[in-house]
Amino acid sequence: MPASSTDKPSGHASFEIKSSQLQLVALILKTSDWSRLQTELTQQFGPSGESPDFFSHDPLVLDFSHLDADAPLQIIVPLLKTLRSCNLVPVAVRGANAQWTAYALTLGLVEAELEIHRPRPPAQVEPAQTQIVKEVVHEVVHEIIREVPGPGTMVVDKPLRSGQKIYARGADLVVLAMVNQGAEVVADGNIHVYAPLRGKAMAGASGNVNARIFSLALEPELISIAGIYRTSENPLAPEVHGKPAQVRLSNDGQDKLLIEALKT
């Protein structure tokens, strides 16, 4: 059975962070204890935290849908300051009651929809229309193949030491040597590490939910696919820890990380 991430990929009970294909990060609030929430956010993503460079001024939605509807109104200005210190830019709220929403609007935030709708497969057409649709799609695909080049691949053949960071923008990343603790490998596409992966690996950095991470010895500090992440605070299962494995997102709409052993 593949090991999956927990319902709290951050490792904290007071919040959860998710990102969509639209590069919109959501902070799912699970407590109205701002002091506790600020402490946990700062420890994880603050300037002196465990992952200070995890975010890069990403727009953020505050999601109140997991709080009680009758939760008393509180001042959230200190929370907004903490989020900005973590390189997040609060822009909207969703799932809040009328009082919370009205207060957020006075602070310059906007109201967002509770759910981000994902594209649905196209509906089936009648048999008489099928041939016409196929012909149109064939012509469009022909033009795309002829005019648009495929994604590139960055290859790194030297070990990465603590403090080093590699970002394959718009491409896959292939690492032929060890990624040590404290090092980071980031790619908009897939990440392949043909050696032990002991640092941080973030694939699908631009929101590609189909990206994957592969390693011949998976023992990372942090793994992430399209912003859904898991840290070493949540140990990997024995059948994948330190062994050939892949990391991907579930395709059931739950946005859970699946860590699966690779057959060698």
C-alpha atoms as a PDB file:
ATOM      1  CA  MET A   1       0.000   0.000   0.000  1.00  0.00           C
ATOM      2  CA  PRO A   2       1.375   3.477  -0.864  1.00  0.00           C
ATOM      3  CA  ALA A   3       2.028   5.775   2.052  1.00  0.00           C
ATOM      4  CA  SER A   4       0.055   9.016   1.870  1.00  0.00           C
ATOM      5  CA  SER A   5       0.421  12.402   3.529  1.00  0.00           C
ATOM      6  CA  THR A   6      -1.645  13.250   6.561  1.00  0.00           C
ATOM      7  CA  ASP A   7      -4.563  15.708   6.610  1.00  0.00           C
ATOM      8  CA  LYS A   8      -2.137  18.267   8.045  1.00  0.00           C
ATOM      9  CA  PRO A   9       0.824  18.337   5.655  1.00  0.00           C
ATOM     10  CA  SER A  10       2.402  21.176   7.627  1.00  0.00           C
ATOM     11  CA  GLY A  11       2.634  19.056  10.783  1.00  0.00           C
ATOM     12  CA  HIS A  12       0.557  21.528  12.780  1.00  0.00           C
ATOM     13  CA  ALA A  13      -2.989  21.197  14.106  1.00  0.00           C
ATOM     14  CA  SER A  14      -3.893  24.876  13.774  1.00  0.00           C
ATOM     15  CA  PHE A  15      -3.548  25.322  10.033  1.00  0.00           C
ATOM     16  CA  GLU A  16      -3.081  23.635   6.678  1.00  0.00           C
ATOM     17  CA  ILE A  17      -1.611  25.090   3.511  1.00  0.00           C
ATOM     18  CA  LYS A  18      -2.657  24.087   0.029  1.00  0.00           C
ATOM     19  CA  SER A  19      -1.999  25.502  -3.410  1.00  0.00           C
ATOM     20  CA  SER A  20      -4.050  25.241  -6.603  1.00  0.00           C
ATOM     21  CA  GLN A  21      -3.143  25.005 -10.285  1.00  0.00           C
ATOM     22  CA  LEU A  22      -3.829  28.765 -10.397  1.00  0.00           C
ATOM     23  CA  GLN A  23      -0.839  29.381  -8.100  1.00  0.00           C
ATOM     24  CA  LEU A  24      -3.227  30.511  -5.384  1.00  0.00           C
ATOM     25  CA  VAL A  25      -2.147  29.469  -1.886  1.00  0.00           C
ATOM     26  CA  ALA A  26      -4.824  28.898   0.755  1.00  0.00           C
ATOM     27  CA  LEU A  27      -4.247  29.006   4.509  1.00  0.00           C
ATOM     28  CA  ILE A  28      -6.941  26.752   5.988  1.00  0.00           C
ATOM     29  CA  LEU A  29      -7.481  28.033   9.524  1.00  0.00           C
ATOM     30  CA  LYS A  30      -8.252  25.378  12.132  1.00  0.00           C
ATOM     31  CA  THR A  31      -8.076  27.585  15.213  1.00  0.00           C
ATOM     32  CA  SER A  32      -8.883  31.194  16.109  1.00  0.00           C
ATOM     33  CA  ASP A  33      -5.993  31.252  18.591  1.00  0.00           C
ATOM     34  CA  TRP A  34      -3.923  33.749  16.590  1.00  0.00           C
ATOM     35  CA  SER A  35      -1.009  33.638  19.046  1.00  0.00           C
ATOM     36  CA  ARG A  36      -0.563  29.896  18.553  1.00  0.00           C
ATOM     37  CA  LEU A  37      -1.087  30.181  14.805  1.00  0.00           C
ATOM     38  CA  GLN A  38       1.485  32.964  14.461  1.00  0.00           C
ATOM     39  CA  THR A  39       4.038  30.966  16.471  1.00  0.00           C
ATOM     40  CA  GLU A  40       3.641  27.852  14.318  1.00  0.00           C
ATOM     41  CA  LEU A  41       3.762  29.806  11.055  1.00  0.00           C
ATOM     42  CA  THR A  42       6.888  31.662  12.153  1.00  0.00           C
ATOM     43  CA  GLN A  43       8.627  28.459  13.277  1.00  0.00           C
ATOM     44  CA  GLN A  44       7.933  26.831   9.909  1.00  0.00           C
ATOM     45  CA  PHE A  45       8.150  29.676   7.369  1.00  0.00           C
ATOM     46  CA  GLY A  46       9.500  32.744   9.186  1.00  0.00           C
ATOM     47  CA  PRO A  47      12.903  34.326   8.397  1.00  0.00           C
ATOM     48  CA  SER A  48      14.562  32.059  10.981  1.00  0.00           C
ATOM     49  CA  GLY A  49      12.211  29.089  10.533  1.00  0.00           C
ATOM     50  CA  GLU A  50      12.683  25.633   9.037  1.00  0.00           C
ATOM     51  CA  SER A  51      11.680  26.668   5.484  1.00  0.00           C
ATOM     52  CA  PRO A  52      12.220  30.449   5.226  1.00  0.00           C
ATOM     53  CA  ASP A  53      12.345  30.460   1.402  1.00  0.00           C
ATOM     54  CA  PHE A  54       9.437  28.101   0.787  1.00  0.00           C
ATOM     55  CA  PHE A  55       7.160  30.910  -0.429  1.00  0.00           C
ATOM     56  CA  SER A  56       8.073  33.776  -2.744  1.00  0.00           C
ATOM     57  CA  HIS A  57       5.446  36.488  -2.219  1.00  0.00           C
ATOM     58  CA  ASP A  58       2.654  34.102  -3.232  1.00  0.00           C
ATOM     59  CA  PRO A  59      -0.915  35.492  -3.115  1.00  0.00           C
ATOM     60  CA  LEU A  60      -2.792  33.946  -0.187  1.00  0.00           C
ATOM     61  CA  VAL A  61      -6.443  33.232   0.607  1.00  0.00           C
ATOM     62  CA  LEU A  62      -7.500  32.944   4.265  1.00  0.00           C
ATOM     63  CA  ASP A  63      -9.939  30.013   4.449  1.00  0.00           C
ATOM     64  CA  PHE A  64     -12.332  30.153   7.434  1.00  0.00           C
ATOM     65  CA  SER A  65     -14.439  27.161   6.375  1.00  0.00           C
ATOM     66  CA  HIS A  66     -13.006  24.903   9.127  1.00  0.00           C
ATOM     67  CA  LEU A  67     -13.820  27.358  11.948  1.00  0.00           C
ATOM     68  CA  ASP A  68     -17.139  27.485  13.793  1.00  0.00           C
ATOM     69  CA  ALA A  69     -19.605  29.733  11.994  1.00  0.00           C
ATOM     70  CA  ASP A  70     -20.285  31.618  15.238  1.00  0.00           C
ATOM     71  CA  ALA A  71     -16.591  32.147  16.120  1.00  0.00           C
ATOM     72  CA  PRO A  72     -16.270  35.625  17.709  1.00  0.00           C
ATOM     73  CA  LEU A  73     -14.738  38.384  15.619  1.00  0.00           C
ATOM     74  CA  GLN A  74     -11.075  39.051  16.402  1.00  0.00           C
ATOM     75  CA  ILE A  75      -8.443  41.471  15.128  1.00  0.00           C
ATOM     76  CA  ILE A  76      -6.437  39.680  12.417  1.00  0.00           C
ATOM     77  CA  VAL A  77      -3.971  42.465  11.617  1.00  0.00           C
ATOM     78  CA  PRO A  78      -1.122  40.773  13.607  1.00  0.00           C
ATOM     79  CA  LEU A  79      -1.794  37.523  11.694  1.00  0.00           C
ATOM     80  CA  LEU A  80      -1.571  39.372   8.379  1.00  0.00           C
ATOM     81  CA  LYS A  81       1.784  40.858   9.436  1.00  0.00           C
ATOM     82  CA  THR A  82       3.075  37.390  10.324  1.00  0.00           C
ATOM     83  CA  LEU A  83       2.003  36.023   6.937  1.00  0.00           C
ATOM     84  CA  ARG A  84       3.810  38.849   5.143  1.00  0.00           C
ATOM     85  CA  SER A  85       6.965  38.077   7.142  1.00  0.00           C
ATOM     86  CA  CYS A  86       6.697  34.519   5.730  1.00  0.00           C
ATOM     87  CA  ASN A  87       6.767  35.899   2.143  1.00  0.00           C
ATOM     88  CA  LEU A  88       3.010  35.452   1.705  1.00  0.00           C
ATOM     89  CA  VAL A  89       0.687  38.205   0.454  1.00  0.00           C
ATOM     90  CA  PRO A  90      -2.868  37.953   1.923  1.00  0.00           C
ATOM     91  CA  VAL A  91      -5.339  39.037  -0.757  1.00  0.00           C
ATOM     92  CA  ALA A  92      -8.690  37.386   0.005  1.00  0.00           C
ATOM     93  CA  VAL A  93     -10.899  35.461   2.444  1.00  0.00           C
ATOM     94  CA  ARG A  94     -13.331  32.639   1.848  1.00  0.00           C
ATOM     95  CA  GLY A  95     -15.708  30.519   3.916  1.00  0.00           C
ATOM     96  CA  ALA A  96     -16.086  33.276   6.553  1.00  0.00           C
ATOM     97  CA  ASN A  97     -19.328  34.451   8.130  1.00  0.00           C
ATOM     98  CA  ALA A  98     -20.736  37.873   7.260  1.00  0.00           C
ATOM     99  CA  GLN A  99     -19.055  39.609  10.198  1.00  0.00           C
ATOM    100  CA  TRP A 100     -15.592  38.216   9.443  1.00  0.00           C
ATOM    101  CA  THR A 101     -16.008  38.972   5.736  1.00  0.00           C
ATOM    102  CA  ALA A 102     -17.081  42.572   6.329  1.00  0.00           C
ATOM    103  CA  TYR A 103     -14.085  43.117   8.621  1.00  0.00           C
ATOM    104  CA  ALA A 104     -11.673  41.597   6.074  1.00  0.00           C
ATOM    105  CA  LEU A 105     -13.012  43.912   3.365  1.00  0.00           C
ATOM    106  CA  THR A 106     -12.185  46.940   5.526  1.00  0.00           C
ATOM    107  CA  LEU A 107      -8.547  45.714   5.583  1.00  0.00           C
ATOM    108  CA  GLY A 108      -8.343  45.690   1.795  1.00  0.00           C
ATOM    109  CA  LEU A 109      -8.947  41.956   1.296  1.00  0.00           C
ATOM    110  CA  VAL A 110     -11.554  40.642  -1.126  1.00  0.00           C
ATOM    111  CA  GLU A 111     -14.032  37.780  -0.867  1.00  0.00           C
ATOM    112  CA  ALA A 112     -13.180  34.628  -2.835  1.00  0.00           C
ATOM    113  CA  GLU A 113     -15.293  31.614  -3.720  1.00  0.00           C
ATOM    114  CA  LEU A 114     -15.214  28.765  -1.207  1.00  0.00           C
ATOM    115  CA  GLU A 115     -14.220  26.208  -3.818  1.00  0.00           C
ATOM    116  CA  ILE A 116     -11.799  26.493  -6.726  1.00  0.00           C
ATOM    117  CA  HIS A 117     -13.526  24.621  -9.518  1.00  0.00           C
ATOM    118  CA  ARG A 118     -11.358  22.281 -11.538  1.00  0.00           C
ATOM    119  CA  PRO A 119     -11.917  21.836 -15.260  1.00  0.00           C
ATOM    120  CA  ARG A 120     -14.310  19.006 -16.052  1.00  0.00           C
ATOM    121  CA  PRO A 121     -13.913  16.549 -18.917  1.00  0.00           C
ATOM    122  CA  PRO A 122     -15.848  17.665 -22.017  1.00  0.00           C
ATOM    123  CA  ALA A 123     -19.317  16.208 -22.311  1.00  0.00           C
ATOM    124  CA  GLN A 124     -19.899  13.484 -24.862  1.00  0.00           C
ATOM    125  CA  VAL A 125     -21.469  14.648 -28.133  1.00  0.00           C
ATOM    126  CA  GLU A 126     -23.966  12.913 -30.354  1.00  0.00           C
ATOM    127  CA  PRO A 127     -22.540  10.455 -32.910  1.00  0.00           C
ATOM    128  CA  ALA A 128     -23.428  12.809 -35.795  1.00  0.00           C
ATOM    129  CA  GLN A 129     -21.133  15.482 -34.335  1.00  0.00           C
ATOM    130  CA  THR A 130     -18.210  13.230 -33.405  1.00  0.00           C
ATOM    131  CA  GLN A 131     -16.441  13.316 -36.772  1.00  0.00           C
ATOM    132  CA  ILE A 132     -16.561  17.145 -36.957  1.00  0.00           C
ATOM    133  CA  VAL A 133     -15.064  17.537 -33.471  1.00  0.00           C
ATOM    134  CA  LYS A 134     -12.242  15.087 -34.195  1.00  0.00           C
ATOM    135  CA  GLU A 135     -11.272  16.919 -37.369  1.00  0.00           C
ATOM    136  CA  VAL A 136     -11.059  20.306 -35.613  1.00  0.00           C
ATOM    137  CA  VAL A 137      -8.952  18.933 -32.761  1.00  0.00           C
ATOM    138  CA  HIS A 138      -6.618  17.194 -35.216  1.00  0.00           C
ATOM    139  CA  GLU A 139      -5.880  20.480 -37.003  1.00  0.00           C
ATOM    140  CA  VAL A 140      -5.177  22.357 -33.733  1.00  0.00           C
ATOM    141  CA  VAL A 141      -2.835  19.661 -32.393  1.00  0.00           C
ATOM    142  CA  HIS A 142      -0.962  19.643 -35.684  1.00  0.00           C
ATOM    143  CA  GLU A 143      -0.225  23.374 -35.357  1.00  0.00           C
ATOM    144  CA  ILE A 144       0.888  23.042 -31.715  1.00  0.00           C
ATOM    145  CA  ILE A 145       3.328  20.227 -32.466  1.00  0.00           C
ATOM    146  CA  ARG A 146       4.844  22.226 -35.289  1.00  0.00           C
ATOM    147  CA  GLU A 147       5.208  25.580 -33.495  1.00  0.00           C
ATOM    148  CA  VAL A 148       5.707  24.972 -29.756  1.00  0.00           C
ATOM    149  CA  PRO A 149       8.938  23.311 -28.491  1.00  0.00           C
ATOM    150  CA  GLY A 150       8.772  20.695 -25.764  1.00  0.00           C
ATOM    151  CA  PRO A 151       9.901  21.305 -22.160  1.00  0.00           C
ATOM    152  CA  GLY A 152      13.609  21.270 -21.433  1.00  0.00           C
ATOM    153  CA  THR A 153      15.575  19.325 -18.860  1.00  0.00           C
ATOM    154  CA  MET A 154      18.269  20.571 -16.508  1.00  0.00           C
ATOM    155  CA  VAL A 155      20.959  18.052 -15.555  1.00  0.00           C
ATOM    156  CA  VAL A 156      23.140  18.443 -12.435  1.00  0.00           C
ATOM    157  CA  ASP A 157      26.023  15.990 -12.064  1.00  0.00           C
ATOM    158  CA  LYS A 158      27.625  17.244  -8.849  1.00  0.00           C
ATOM    159  CA  PRO A 159      26.544  16.684  -5.225  1.00  0.00           C
ATOM    160  CA  LEU A 160      24.509  19.486  -3.679  1.00  0.00           C
ATOM    161  CA  ARG A 161      25.729  20.659  -0.272  1.00  0.00           C
ATOM    162  CA  SER A 162      23.776  22.310   2.530  1.00  0.00           C
ATOM    163  CA  GLY A 163      22.723  25.824   1.546  1.00  0.00           C
ATOM    164  CA  GLN A 164      22.784  25.159  -2.214  1.00  0.00           C
ATOM    165  CA  LYS A 165      19.559  25.528  -4.203  1.00  0.00           C
ATOM    166  CA  ILE A 166      18.825  24.502  -7.810  1.00  0.00           C
ATOM    167  CA  TYR A 167      15.680  25.671  -9.649  1.00  0.00           C
ATOM    168  CA  ALA A 168      14.763  24.197 -13.050  1.00  0.00           C
ATOM    169  CA  ARG A 169      12.368  26.889 -14.276  1.00  0.00           C
ATOM    170  CA  GLY A 170       9.895  25.544 -16.832  1.00  0.00           C
ATOM    171  CA  ALA A 171      11.740  22.222 -17.014  1.00  0.00           C
ATOM    172  CA  ASP A 172      12.407  18.833 -15.439  1.00  0.00           C
ATOM    173  CA  LEU A 173      15.415  18.452 -13.154  1.00  0.00           C
ATOM    174  CA  VAL A 174      17.764  15.452 -13.236  1.00  0.00           C
ATOM    175  CA  VAL A 175      20.340  15.148 -10.425  1.00  0.00           C
ATOM    176  CA  LEU A 176      23.029  12.488 -10.831  1.00  0.00           C
ATOM    177  CA  ALA A 177      24.574  12.917  -7.383  1.00  0.00           C
ATOM    178  CA  MET A 178      23.510  13.163  -3.744  1.00  0.00           C
ATOM    179  CA  VAL A 179      21.251  15.955  -2.507  1.00  0.00           C
ATOM    180  CA  ASN A 180      22.533  16.484   1.042  1.00  0.00           C
ATOM    181  CA  GLN A 181      20.591  17.784   4.027  1.00  0.00           C
ATOM    182  CA  GLY A 182      20.052  21.531   3.817  1.00  0.00           C
ATOM    183  CA  ALA A 183      20.167  21.548   0.003  1.00  0.00           C
ATOM    184  CA  GLU A 184      17.086  22.276  -2.135  1.00  0.00           C
ATOM    185  CA  VAL A 185      16.064  21.072  -5.593  1.00  0.00           C
ATOM    186  CA  VAL A 186      13.080  22.782  -7.232  1.00  0.00           C
ATOM    187  CA  ALA A 187      11.517  22.242 -10.650  1.00  0.00           C
ATOM    188  CA  ASP A 188       8.393  23.314 -12.505  1.00  0.00           C
ATOM    189  CA  GLY A 189       8.324  19.773 -13.899  1.00  0.00           C
ATOM    190  CA  ASN A 190       9.496  16.416 -12.523  1.00  0.00           C
ATOM    191  CA  ILE A 191      12.522  15.832 -10.291  1.00  0.00           C
ATOM    192  CA  HIS A 192      14.739  12.758 -10.791  1.00  0.00           C
ATOM    193  CA  VAL A 193      17.483  12.099  -8.219  1.00  0.00           C
ATOM    194  CA  TYR A 194      19.636   9.105  -9.164  1.00  0.00           C
ATOM    195  CA  ALA A 195      21.229   9.096  -5.714  1.00  0.00           C
ATOM    196  CA  PRO A 196      20.142   9.627  -2.093  1.00  0.00           C
ATOM    197  CA  LEU A 197      17.707  12.523  -1.645  1.00  0.00           C
ATOM    198  CA  ARG A 198      18.253  13.918   1.867  1.00  0.00           C
ATOM    199  CA  GLY A 199      17.450  17.595   1.383  1.00  0.00           C
ATOM    200  CA  LYS A 200      14.298  19.315   0.123  1.00  0.00           C
ATOM    201  CA  ALA A 201      12.639  18.513  -3.208  1.00  0.00           C
ATOM    202  CA  MET A 202       9.774  20.582  -4.664  1.00  0.00           C
ATOM    203  CA  ALA A 203       8.340  19.475  -8.010  1.00  0.00           C
ATOM    204  CA  GLY A 204       5.531  21.178  -9.934  1.00  0.00           C
ATOM    205  CA  ALA A 205       6.598  24.490  -8.392  1.00  0.00           C
ATOM    206  CA  SER A 206       4.402  26.469 -10.814  1.00  0.00           C
ATOM    207  CA  GLY A 207       1.307  24.419  -9.973  1.00  0.00           C
ATOM    208  CA  ASN A 208       1.743  21.307 -12.132  1.00  0.00           C
ATOM    209  CA  VAL A 209      -0.245  18.694 -10.176  1.00  0.00           C
ATOM    210  CA  ASN A 210       0.981  15.925 -12.502  1.00  0.00           C
ATOM    211  CA  ALA A 211       4.642  16.427 -11.587  1.00  0.00           C
ATOM    212  CA  ARG A 212       6.478  13.690  -9.678  1.00  0.00           C
ATOM    213  CA  ILE A 213       9.630  13.157  -7.621  1.00  0.00           C
ATOM    214  CA  PHE A 214      11.819  10.081  -8.145  1.00  0.00           C
ATOM    215  CA  SER A 215      14.801   9.010  -6.055  1.00  0.00           C
ATOM    216  CA  LEU A 216      16.946   5.906  -5.660  1.00  0.00           C
ATOM    217  CA  ALA A 217      17.112   6.504  -1.883  1.00  0.00           C
ATOM    218  CA  LEU A 218      14.263   8.647  -0.551  1.00  0.00           C
ATOM    219  CA  GLU A 219      15.013  10.152   2.863  1.00  0.00           C
ATOM    220  CA  PRO A 220      14.140  13.850   2.449  1.00  0.00           C
ATOM    221  CA  GLU A 221      13.749  16.759   4.838  1.00  0.00           C
ATOM    222  CA  LEU A 222      10.790  17.957   2.777  1.00  0.00           C
ATOM    223  CA  ILE A 223       8.964  16.842  -0.370  1.00  0.00           C
ATOM    224  CA  SER A 224       6.373  18.878  -2.246  1.00  0.00           C
ATOM    225  CA  ILE A 225       4.203  18.528  -5.345  1.00  0.00           C
ATOM    226  CA  ALA A 226       2.456  21.718  -6.537  1.00  0.00           C
ATOM    227  CA  GLY A 227       2.613  23.201  -3.048  1.00  0.00           C
ATOM    228  CA  ILE A 228       1.289  20.139  -1.183  1.00  0.00           C
ATOM    229  CA  TYR A 229       4.136  19.123   1.054  1.00  0.00           C
ATOM    230  CA  ARG A 230       5.309  16.781   3.789  1.00  0.00           C
ATOM    231  CA  THR A 231       8.247  17.222   6.149  1.00  0.00           C
ATOM    232  CA  SER A 232      10.478  14.794   8.008  1.00  0.00           C
ATOM    233  CA  GLU A 233       8.363  15.445  11.112  1.00  0.00           C
ATOM    234  CA  ASN A 234       6.011  12.903   9.538  1.00  0.00           C
ATOM    235  CA  PRO A 235       8.356   9.905   8.981  1.00  0.00           C
ATOM    236  CA  LEU A 236       8.108   7.859   5.810  1.00  0.00           C
ATOM    237  CA  ALA A 237       6.982   4.251   5.954  1.00  0.00           C
ATOM    238  CA  PRO A 238       9.786   1.628   6.240  1.00  0.00           C
ATOM    239  CA  GLU A 239       9.022   0.239   2.776  1.00  0.00           C
ATOM    240  CA  VAL A 240       9.932   3.568   1.114  1.00  0.00           C
ATOM    241  CA  HIS A 241      12.341   5.297   3.503  1.00  0.00           C
ATOM    242  CA  GLY A 242      15.869   5.190   2.089  1.00  0.00           C
ATOM    243  CA  LYS A 243      14.717   3.074  -0.852  1.00  0.00           C
ATOM    244  CA  PRO A 244      13.848   3.693  -4.528  1.00  0.00           C
ATOM    245  CA  ALA A 245      10.514   5.494  -4.506  1.00  0.00           C
ATOM    246  CA  GLN A 246       8.348   8.063  -6.251  1.00  0.00           C
ATOM    247  CA  VAL A 247       6.159  10.865  -4.907  1.00  0.00           C
ATOM    248  CA  ARG A 248       2.979  12.023  -6.648  1.00  0.00           C
ATOM    249  CA  LEU A 249      -0.390  13.606  -5.923  1.00  0.00           C
ATOM    250  CA  SER A 250      -3.489  11.448  -5.636  1.00  0.00           C
ATOM    251  CA  ASN A 251      -5.932  11.772  -8.533  1.00  0.00           C
ATOM    252  CA  ASP A 252      -9.068  11.591  -6.370  1.00  0.00           C
ATOM    253  CA  GLY A 253      -9.352  15.341  -5.848  1.00  0.00           C
ATOM    254  CA  GLN A 254      -8.080  15.100  -2.259  1.00  0.00           C
ATOM    255  CA  ASP A 255      -4.643  16.608  -3.027  1.00  0.00           C
ATOM    256  CA  LYS A 256      -2.777  14.053  -0.924  1.00  0.00           C
ATOM    257  CA  LEU A 257       0.841  13.070  -1.422  1.00  0.00           C
ATOM    258  CA  LEU A 258       1.381   9.410  -2.279  1.00  0.00           C
ATOM    259  CA  ILE A 259       4.802   7.897  -1.659  1.00  0.00           C
ATOM    260  CA  GLU A 260       5.261   4.598  -3.472  1.00  0.00           C
ATOM    261  CA  ALA A 261       8.121   2.112  -3.733  1.00  0.00           C
ATOM    262  CA  LEU A 262       9.686   1.630  -7.165  1.00  0.00           C
ATOM    263  CA  LYS A 263      10.365  -1.847  -8.477  1.00  0.00           C
ATOM    264  CA  THR A 264      14.028  -2.233  -9.367  1.00  0.00           C
END
